[in-house]
Amino acid sequence: LYGKPTTINNTESFASVPEILSRGGKWFAD
């Protein structure tokens, strides 16, 4: 964006992040 470094993710991807970090990556993977 505007020639600057940018990371783009989907809605569901971002929405999953807080729960993953709250309950742990292994919990989510399992």
Full PDB file with SEQRES, HELIX, SHEET, SSBOND, CRYST1, ORIGX, SCALE, CONECT and MASTER records, all heavy atoms in Angstrom:
SEQRES   1 A   30  LEU TYR GLY LYS PRO THR THR ILE ASN ASN THR GLU SER          
SEQRES   2 A   30  PHE ALA SER VAL PRO GLU ILE LEU SER ARG GLY GLY LYS          
SEQRES   3 A   30  TRP PHE ALA ASP                                              
HELIX    1 AA1 THR A   11  ARG A   23  1                                  13    
HELIX    2 AA2 GLY A   25  ALA A   29  1                                   5    
CRYST1    1.000    1.000    1.000  90.00  90.00  90.00 P 1           1          
ORIGX1      1.000000  0.000000  0.000000        0.00000                         
ORIGX2      0.000000  1.000000  0.000000        0.00000                         
ORIGX3      0.000000  0.000000  1.000000        0.00000                         
SCALE1      1.000000  0.000000  0.000000        0.00000                         
SCALE2      0.000000  1.000000  0.000000        0.00000                         
SCALE3      0.000000  0.000000  1.000000        0.00000                         
ATOM      1  N   LEU A   1       0.833  -1.192   0.000  1.00  0.00           N  
ATOM      2  CA  LEU A   1       0.000   0.000   0.000  1.00  0.00           C  
ATOM      3  C   LEU A   1       0.880   1.259   0.000  1.00  0.00           C  
ATOM      4  O   LEU A   1       1.777   1.398   0.836  1.00  0.00           O  
ATOM      5  CB  LEU A   1      -0.912  -0.014   1.228  1.00  0.00           C  
ATOM      6  CG  LEU A   1      -1.956   1.103   1.327  1.00  0.00           C  
ATOM      7  CD1 LEU A   1      -2.958   1.009   0.186  1.00  0.00           C  
ATOM      8  CD2 LEU A   1      -2.686   1.037   2.667  1.00  0.00           C  
ATOM      9  N   TYR A   2       0.621   2.147  -0.940  1.00  0.00           N  
ATOM     10  CA  TYR A   2       1.408   3.379  -1.112  1.00  0.00           C  
ATOM     11  C   TYR A   2       2.907   3.098  -1.224  1.00  0.00           C  
ATOM     12  O   TYR A   2       3.752   3.898  -0.809  1.00  0.00           O  
ATOM     13  CB  TYR A   2       1.150   4.356   0.044  1.00  0.00           C  
ATOM     14  CG  TYR A   2      -0.309   4.696   0.229  1.00  0.00           C  
ATOM     15  CD1 TYR A   2      -0.975   4.395   1.414  1.00  0.00           C  
ATOM     16  CD2 TYR A   2      -1.026   5.300  -0.785  1.00  0.00           C  
ATOM     17  CE1 TYR A   2      -2.318   4.683   1.581  1.00  0.00           C  
ATOM     18  CE2 TYR A   2      -2.380   5.600  -0.627  1.00  0.00           C  
ATOM     19  CZ  TYR A   2      -3.013   5.290   0.551  1.00  0.00           C  
ATOM     20  OH  TYR A   2      -4.358   5.574   0.715  1.00  0.00           O  
ATOM     21  N   GLY A   3       3.234   1.927  -1.763  1.00  0.00           N  
ATOM     22  CA  GLY A   3       4.624   1.557  -1.960  1.00  0.00           C  
ATOM     23  C   GLY A   3       5.348   1.101  -0.707  1.00  0.00           C  
ATOM     24  O   GLY A   3       6.572   0.894  -0.739  1.00  0.00           O  
ATOM     25  N   LYS A   4       4.614   0.920   0.394  1.00  0.00           N  
ATOM     26  CA  LYS A   4       5.223   0.550   1.663  1.00  0.00           C  
ATOM     27  C   LYS A   4       4.970  -0.927   1.983  1.00  0.00           C  
ATOM     28  O   LYS A   4       4.007  -1.513   1.486  1.00  0.00           O  
ATOM     29  CB  LYS A   4       4.666   1.423   2.797  1.00  0.00           C  
ATOM     30  CG  LYS A   4       4.844   2.925   2.572  1.00  0.00           C  
ATOM     31  CD  LYS A   4       6.308   3.319   2.501  1.00  0.00           C  
ATOM     32  CE  LYS A   4       6.463   4.832   2.357  1.00  0.00           C  
ATOM     33  NZ  LYS A   4       7.898   5.233   2.259  1.00  0.00           N  
ATOM     34  N   PRO A   5       5.800  -1.549   2.830  1.00  0.00           N  
ATOM     35  CA  PRO A   5       5.578  -2.952   3.213  1.00  0.00           C  
ATOM     36  C   PRO A   5       4.188  -3.163   3.800  1.00  0.00           C  
ATOM     37  O   PRO A   5       3.765  -2.429   4.698  1.00  0.00           O  
ATOM     38  CB  PRO A   5       6.671  -3.202   4.258  1.00  0.00           C  
ATOM     39  CG  PRO A   5       7.758  -2.225   3.916  1.00  0.00           C  
ATOM     40  CD  PRO A   5       7.038  -0.999   3.432  1.00  0.00           C  
ATOM     41  N   THR A   6       3.487  -4.178   3.296  1.00  0.00           N  
ATOM     42  CA  THR A   6       2.091  -4.408   3.679  1.00  0.00           C  
ATOM     43  C   THR A   6       1.822  -5.904   3.792  1.00  0.00           C  
ATOM     44  O   THR A   6       2.241  -6.685   2.947  1.00  0.00           O  
ATOM     45  CB  THR A   6       1.130  -3.806   2.632  1.00  0.00           C  
ATOM     46  OG1 THR A   6       1.421  -2.417   2.459  1.00  0.00           O  
ATOM     47  CG2 THR A   6      -0.321  -3.970   3.054  1.00  0.00           C  
ATOM     48  N   THR A   7       1.102  -6.270   4.840  1.00  0.00           N  
ATOM     49  CA  THR A   7       0.650  -7.653   4.995  1.00  0.00           C  
ATOM     50  C   THR A   7      -0.865  -7.695   4.905  1.00  0.00           C  
ATOM     51  O   THR A   7      -1.560  -6.940   5.589  1.00  0.00           O  
ATOM     52  CB  THR A   7       1.116  -8.255   6.330  1.00  0.00           C  
ATOM     53  OG1 THR A   7       2.544  -8.352   6.320  1.00  0.00           O  
ATOM     54  CG2 THR A   7       0.537  -9.654   6.536  1.00  0.00           C  
ATOM     55  N   ILE A   8      -1.367  -8.594   4.064  1.00  0.00           N  
ATOM     56  CA  ILE A   8      -2.806  -8.714   3.829  1.00  0.00           C  
ATOM     57  C   ILE A   8      -3.265 -10.106   4.266  1.00  0.00           C  
ATOM     58  O   ILE A   8      -2.695 -11.117   3.860  1.00  0.00           O  
ATOM     59  CB  ILE A   8      -3.141  -8.513   2.340  1.00  0.00           C  
ATOM     60  CG1 ILE A   8      -2.534  -7.203   1.842  1.00  0.00           C  
ATOM     61  CG2 ILE A   8      -4.648  -8.529   2.110  1.00  0.00           C  
ATOM     62  CD1 ILE A   8      -2.377  -7.141   0.347  1.00  0.00           C  
ATOM     63  N   ASN A   9      -4.286 -10.128   5.091  1.00  0.00           N  
ATOM     64  CA  ASN A   9      -4.902 -11.388   5.493  1.00  0.00           C  
ATOM     65  C   ASN A   9      -6.416 -11.289   5.365  1.00  0.00           C  
ATOM     66  O   ASN A   9      -6.986 -10.189   5.364  1.00  0.00           O  
ATOM     67  CB  ASN A   9      -4.541 -11.762   6.933  1.00  0.00           C  
ATOM     68  CG  ASN A   9      -3.196 -12.463   7.039  1.00  0.00           C  
ATOM     69  OD1 ASN A   9      -2.278 -11.947   7.646  1.00  0.00           O  
ATOM     70  ND2 ASN A   9      -3.073 -13.649   6.485  1.00  0.00           N  
ATOM     71  N   ASN A  10      -7.033 -12.442   5.330  1.00  0.00           N  
ATOM     72  CA  ASN A  10      -8.482 -12.538   5.228  1.00  0.00           C  
ATOM     73  C   ASN A  10      -9.154 -12.296   6.596  1.00  0.00           C  
ATOM     74  O   ASN A  10      -8.534 -12.425   7.646  1.00  0.00           O  
ATOM     75  CB  ASN A  10      -8.811 -13.923   4.664  1.00  0.00           C  
ATOM     76  CG  ASN A  10     -10.148 -14.447   4.982  1.00  0.00           C  
ATOM     77  OD1 ASN A  10     -10.322 -15.126   5.982  1.00  0.00           O  
ATOM     78  ND2 ASN A  10     -11.125 -14.130   4.148  1.00  0.00           N  
ATOM     79  N   THR A  11     -10.424 -11.971   6.568  1.00  0.00           N  
ATOM     80  CA  THR A  11     -11.207 -11.695   7.776  1.00  0.00           C  
ATOM     81  C   THR A  11     -11.126 -12.828   8.789  1.00  0.00           C  
ATOM     82  O   THR A  11     -10.853 -12.613   9.981  1.00  0.00           O  
ATOM     83  CB  THR A  11     -12.686 -11.455   7.403  1.00  0.00           C  
ATOM     84  OG1 THR A  11     -12.762 -10.549   6.312  1.00  0.00           O  
ATOM     85  CG2 THR A  11     -13.476 -10.932   8.590  1.00  0.00           C  
ATOM     86  N   GLU A  12     -11.378 -14.040   8.338  1.00  0.00           N  
ATOM     87  CA  GLU A  12     -11.376 -15.197   9.233  1.00  0.00           C  
ATOM     88  C   GLU A  12      -9.996 -15.439   9.827  1.00  0.00           C  
ATOM     89  O   GLU A  12      -9.881 -15.851  10.986  1.00  0.00           O  
ATOM     90  CB  GLU A  12     -11.867 -16.441   8.489  1.00  0.00           C  
ATOM     91  CG  GLU A  12     -12.042 -17.676   9.370  1.00  0.00           C  
ATOM     92  CD  GLU A  12     -12.487 -18.903   8.594  1.00  0.00           C  
ATOM     93  OE1 GLU A  12     -12.909 -18.768   7.429  1.00  0.00           O  
ATOM     94  OE2 GLU A  12     -12.401 -20.015   9.152  1.00  0.00           O  
ATOM     95  N   SER A  13      -8.964 -15.182   9.057  1.00  0.00           N  
ATOM     96  CA  SER A  13      -7.596 -15.363   9.555  1.00  0.00           C  
ATOM     97  C   SER A  13      -7.327 -14.440  10.739  1.00  0.00           C  
ATOM     98  O   SER A  13      -6.847 -14.876  11.792  1.00  0.00           O  
ATOM     99  CB  SER A  13      -6.580 -15.106   8.444  1.00  0.00           C  
ATOM    100  OG  SER A  13      -6.789 -15.955   7.332  1.00  0.00           O  
ATOM    101  N   PHE A  14      -7.633 -13.141  10.564  1.00  0.00           N  
ATOM    102  CA  PHE A  14      -7.429 -12.191  11.658  1.00  0.00           C  
ATOM    103  C   PHE A  14      -8.299 -12.530  12.866  1.00  0.00           C  
ATOM    104  O   PHE A  14      -7.855 -12.430  14.011  1.00  0.00           O  
ATOM    105  CB  PHE A  14      -7.724 -10.762  11.196  1.00  0.00           C  
ATOM    106  CG  PHE A  14      -6.611 -10.122  10.421  1.00  0.00           C  
ATOM    107  CD1 PHE A  14      -6.827  -9.626   9.139  1.00  0.00           C  
ATOM    108  CD2 PHE A  14      -5.349  -9.991  10.974  1.00  0.00           C  
ATOM    109  CE1 PHE A  14      -5.806  -9.023   8.425  1.00  0.00           C  
ATOM    110  CE2 PHE A  14      -4.309  -9.383  10.264  1.00  0.00           C  
ATOM    111  CZ  PHE A  14      -4.547  -8.890   8.988  1.00  0.00           C  
ATOM    112  N   ALA A  15      -9.541 -12.929  12.610  1.00  0.00           N  
ATOM    113  CA  ALA A  15     -10.476 -13.234  13.703  1.00  0.00           C  
ATOM    114  C   ALA A  15     -10.027 -14.429  14.529  1.00  0.00           C  
ATOM    115  O   ALA A  15     -10.403 -14.562  15.702  1.00  0.00           O  
ATOM    116  CB  ALA A  15     -11.874 -13.475  13.149  1.00  0.00           C  
ATOM    117  N   SER A  16      -9.222 -15.313  13.942  1.00  0.00           N  
ATOM    118  CA  SER A  16      -8.763 -16.515  14.642  1.00  0.00           C  
ATOM    119  C   SER A  16      -7.577 -16.233  15.565  1.00  0.00           C  
ATOM    120  O   SER A  16      -7.339 -16.982  16.523  1.00  0.00           O  
ATOM    121  CB  SER A  16      -8.367 -17.598  13.630  1.00  0.00           C  
ATOM    122  OG  SER A  16      -9.435 -17.937  12.774  1.00  0.00           O  
ATOM    123  N   VAL A  17      -6.835 -15.169  15.294  1.00  0.00           N  
ATOM    124  CA  VAL A  17      -5.578 -14.904  16.003  1.00  0.00           C  
ATOM    125  C   VAL A  17      -5.746 -14.707  17.510  1.00  0.00           C  
ATOM    126  O   VAL A  17      -5.014 -15.322  18.299  1.00  0.00           O  
ATOM    127  CB  VAL A  17      -4.842 -13.706  15.365  1.00  0.00           C  
ATOM    128  CG1 VAL A  17      -3.671 -13.250  16.240  1.00  0.00           C  
ATOM    129  CG2 VAL A  17      -4.342 -14.086  13.974  1.00  0.00           C  
ATOM    130  N   PRO A  18      -6.693 -13.851  17.980  1.00  0.00           N  
ATOM    131  CA  PRO A  18      -6.805 -13.658  19.433  1.00  0.00           C  
ATOM    132  C   PRO A  18      -7.075 -14.947  20.203  1.00  0.00           C  
ATOM    133  O   PRO A  18      -6.493 -15.171  21.276  1.00  0.00           O  
ATOM    134  CB  PRO A  18      -7.983 -12.678  19.561  1.00  0.00           C  
ATOM    135  CG  PRO A  18      -8.019 -11.951  18.259  1.00  0.00           C  
ATOM    136  CD  PRO A  18      -7.628 -12.966  17.244  1.00  0.00           C  
ATOM    137  N   GLU A  19      -7.942 -15.790  19.680  1.00  0.00           N  
ATOM    138  CA  GLU A  19      -8.271 -17.035  20.367  1.00  0.00           C  
ATOM    139  C   GLU A  19      -7.076 -17.986  20.381  1.00  0.00           C  
ATOM    140  O   GLU A  19      -6.852 -18.699  21.365  1.00  0.00           O  
ATOM    141  CB  GLU A  19      -9.479 -17.692  19.699  1.00  0.00           C  
ATOM    142  CG  GLU A  19     -10.198 -18.719  20.561  1.00  0.00           C  
ATOM    143  CD  GLU A  19     -10.943 -18.123  21.746  1.00  0.00           C  
ATOM    144  OE1 GLU A  19     -11.111 -16.882  21.796  1.00  0.00           O  
ATOM    145  OE2 GLU A  19     -11.352 -18.889  22.632  1.00  0.00           O  
ATOM    146  N   ILE A  20      -6.320 -18.017  19.302  1.00  0.00           N  
ATOM    147  CA  ILE A  20      -5.116 -18.843  19.246  1.00  0.00           C  
ATOM    148  C   ILE A  20      -4.125 -18.431  20.340  1.00  0.00           C  
ATOM    149  O   ILE A  20      -3.602 -19.262  21.080  1.00  0.00           O  
ATOM    150  CB  ILE A  20      -4.448 -18.741  17.861  1.00  0.00           C  
ATOM    151  CG1 ILE A  20      -5.300 -19.444  16.802  1.00  0.00           C  
ATOM    152  CG2 ILE A  20      -3.041 -19.334  17.881  1.00  0.00           C  
ATOM    153  CD1 ILE A  20      -4.829 -19.206  15.376  1.00  0.00           C  
ATOM    154  N   LEU A  21      -3.887 -17.126  20.450  1.00  0.00           N  
ATOM    155  CA  LEU A  21      -2.921 -16.636  21.424  1.00  0.00           C  
ATOM    156  C   LEU A  21      -3.447 -16.739  22.845  1.00  0.00           C  
ATOM    157  O   LEU A  21      -2.677 -16.863  23.802  1.00  0.00           O  
ATOM    158  CB  LEU A  21      -2.538 -15.190  21.100  1.00  0.00           C  
ATOM    159  CG  LEU A  21      -1.859 -14.985  19.740  1.00  0.00           C  
ATOM    160  CD1 LEU A  21      -1.579 -13.517  19.493  1.00  0.00           C  
ATOM    161  CD2 LEU A  21      -0.570 -15.800  19.641  1.00  0.00           C  
ATOM    162  N   SER A  22      -4.751 -16.692  22.999  1.00  0.00           N  
ATOM    163  CA  SER A  22      -5.355 -16.797  24.324  1.00  0.00           C  
ATOM    164  C   SER A  22      -5.302 -18.222  24.858  1.00  0.00           C  
ATOM    165  O   SER A  22      -5.015 -18.448  26.035  1.00  0.00           O  
ATOM    166  CB  SER A  22      -6.807 -16.308  24.281  1.00  0.00           C  
ATOM    167  OG  SER A  22      -7.455 -16.485  25.522  1.00  0.00           O  
ATOM    168  N   ARG A  23      -5.541 -19.193  23.981  1.00  0.00           N  
ATOM    169  CA  ARG A  23      -5.643 -20.587  24.416  1.00  0.00           C  
ATOM    170  C   ARG A  23      -4.457 -21.453  23.981  1.00  0.00           C  
ATOM    171  O   ARG A  23      -4.379 -22.621  24.351  1.00  0.00           O  
ATOM    172  CB  ARG A  23      -6.960 -21.172  23.917  1.00  0.00           C  
ATOM    173  CG  ARG A  23      -8.170 -20.354  24.364  1.00  0.00           C  
ATOM    174  CD  ARG A  23      -9.479 -20.944  23.967  1.00  0.00           C  
ATOM    175  NE  ARG A  23      -9.780 -22.174  24.681  1.00  0.00           N  
ATOM    176  CZ  ARG A  23     -10.959 -22.796  24.651  1.00  0.00           C  
ATOM    177  NH1 ARG A  23     -11.961 -22.269  23.958  1.00  0.00           N  
ATOM    178  NH2 ARG A  23     -11.159 -23.910  25.312  1.00  0.00           N  
ATOM    179  N   GLY A  24      -3.589 -20.880  23.176  1.00  0.00           N  
ATOM    180  CA  GLY A  24      -2.369 -21.581  22.798  1.00  0.00           C  
ATOM    181  C   GLY A  24      -2.424 -22.168  21.395  1.00  0.00           C  
ATOM    182  O   GLY A  24      -3.466 -22.655  20.941  1.00  0.00           O  
ATOM    183  N   GLY A  25      -1.282 -22.118  20.718  1.00  0.00           N  
ATOM    184  CA  GLY A  25      -1.198 -22.636  19.363  1.00  0.00           C  
ATOM    185  C   GLY A  25      -1.494 -24.116  19.278  1.00  0.00           C  
ATOM    186  O   GLY A  25      -2.140 -24.585  18.345  1.00  0.00           O  
ATOM    187  N   LYS A  26      -1.019 -24.872  20.278  1.00  0.00           N  
ATOM    188  CA  LYS A  26      -1.246 -26.324  20.272  1.00  0.00           C  
ATOM    189  C   LYS A  26      -2.723 -26.642  20.403  1.00  0.00           C  
ATOM    190  O   LYS A  26      -3.226 -27.565  19.757  1.00  0.00           O  
ATOM    191  CB  LYS A  26      -0.467 -27.000  21.391  1.00  0.00           C  
ATOM    192  CG  LYS A  26      -0.518 -28.534  21.334  1.00  0.00           C  
ATOM    193  CD  LYS A  26       0.313 -29.164  22.420  1.00  0.00           C  
ATOM    194  CE  LYS A  26       0.311 -30.696  22.286  1.00  0.00           C  
ATOM    195  NZ  LYS A  26      -1.060 -31.257  22.247  1.00  0.00           N  
ATOM    196  N   TRP A  27      -3.428 -25.876  21.262  1.00  0.00           N  
ATOM    197  CA  TRP A  27      -4.878 -26.081  21.412  1.00  0.00           C  
ATOM    198  C   TRP A  27      -5.569 -25.938  20.060  1.00  0.00           C  
ATOM    199  O   TRP A  27      -6.409 -26.770  19.704  1.00  0.00           O  
ATOM    200  CB  TRP A  27      -5.448 -25.057  22.399  1.00  0.00           C  
ATOM    201  CG  TRP A  27      -6.951 -24.996  22.378  1.00  0.00           C  
ATOM    202  CD1 TRP A  27      -7.809 -25.833  23.036  1.00  0.00           C  
ATOM    203  CD2 TRP A  27      -7.756 -24.067  21.656  1.00  0.00           C  
ATOM    204  NE1 TRP A  27      -9.102 -25.470  22.749  1.00  0.00           N  
ATOM    205  CE2 TRP A  27      -9.104 -24.389  21.904  1.00  0.00           C  
ATOM    206  CE3 TRP A  27      -7.478 -22.987  20.816  1.00  0.00           C  
ATOM    207  CZ2 TRP A  27     -10.171 -23.677  21.358  1.00  0.00           C  
ATOM    208  CZ3 TRP A  27      -8.544 -22.277  20.266  1.00  0.00           C  
ATOM    209  CH2 TRP A  27      -9.867 -22.624  20.531  1.00  0.00           C  
ATOM    210  N   PHE A  28      -5.216 -24.889  19.316  1.00  0.00           N  
ATOM    211  CA  PHE A  28      -5.837 -24.651  18.018  1.00  0.00           C  
ATOM    212  C   PHE A  28      -5.480 -25.749  17.034  1.00  0.00           C  
ATOM    213  O   PHE A  28      -6.353 -26.267  16.324  1.00  0.00           O  
ATOM    214  CB  PHE A  28      -5.387 -23.289  17.480  1.00  0.00           C  
ATOM    215  CG  PHE A  28      -6.096 -22.854  16.226  1.00  0.00           C  
ATOM    216  CD1 PHE A  28      -7.356 -22.289  16.289  1.00  0.00           C  
ATOM    217  CD2 PHE A  28      -5.489 -23.000  14.987  1.00  0.00           C  
ATOM    218  CE1 PHE A  28      -8.010 -21.875  15.123  1.00  0.00           C  
ATOM    219  CE2 PHE A  28      -6.126 -22.587  13.830  1.00  0.00           C  
ATOM    220  CZ  PHE A  28      -7.387 -22.010  13.888  1.00  0.00           C  
ATOM    221  N   ALA A  29      -4.213 -26.121  16.992  1.00  0.00           N  
ATOM    222  CA  ALA A  29      -3.764 -27.168  16.073  1.00  0.00           C  
ATOM    223  C   ALA A  29      -4.494 -28.476  16.329  1.00  0.00           C  
ATOM    224  O   ALA A  29      -4.886 -29.188  15.391  1.00  0.00           O  
ATOM    225  CB  ALA A  29      -2.260 -27.370  16.194  1.00  0.00           C  
ATOM    226  N   ASP A  30      -4.696 -28.800  17.611  1.00  0.00           N  
ATOM    227  CA  ASP A  30      -5.335 -30.060  17.985  1.00  0.00           C  
ATOM    228  C   ASP A  30      -6.820 -30.103  17.641  1.00  0.00           C  
ATOM    229  O   ASP A  30      -7.412 -31.179  17.595  1.00  0.00           O  
ATOM    230  CB  ASP A  30      -5.142 -30.334  19.477  1.00  0.00           C  
ATOM    231  CG  ASP A  30      -3.697 -30.678  19.829  1.00  0.00           C  
ATOM    232  OD1 ASP A  30      -2.914 -30.994  18.899  1.00  0.00           O  
ATOM    233  OD2 ASP A  30      -3.345 -30.627  21.031  1.00  0.00           O  
TER     234      ASP A  30                                                      
MASTER        0    0    0    2    0    0    0    6  233    1    0    3          
END                                                                             
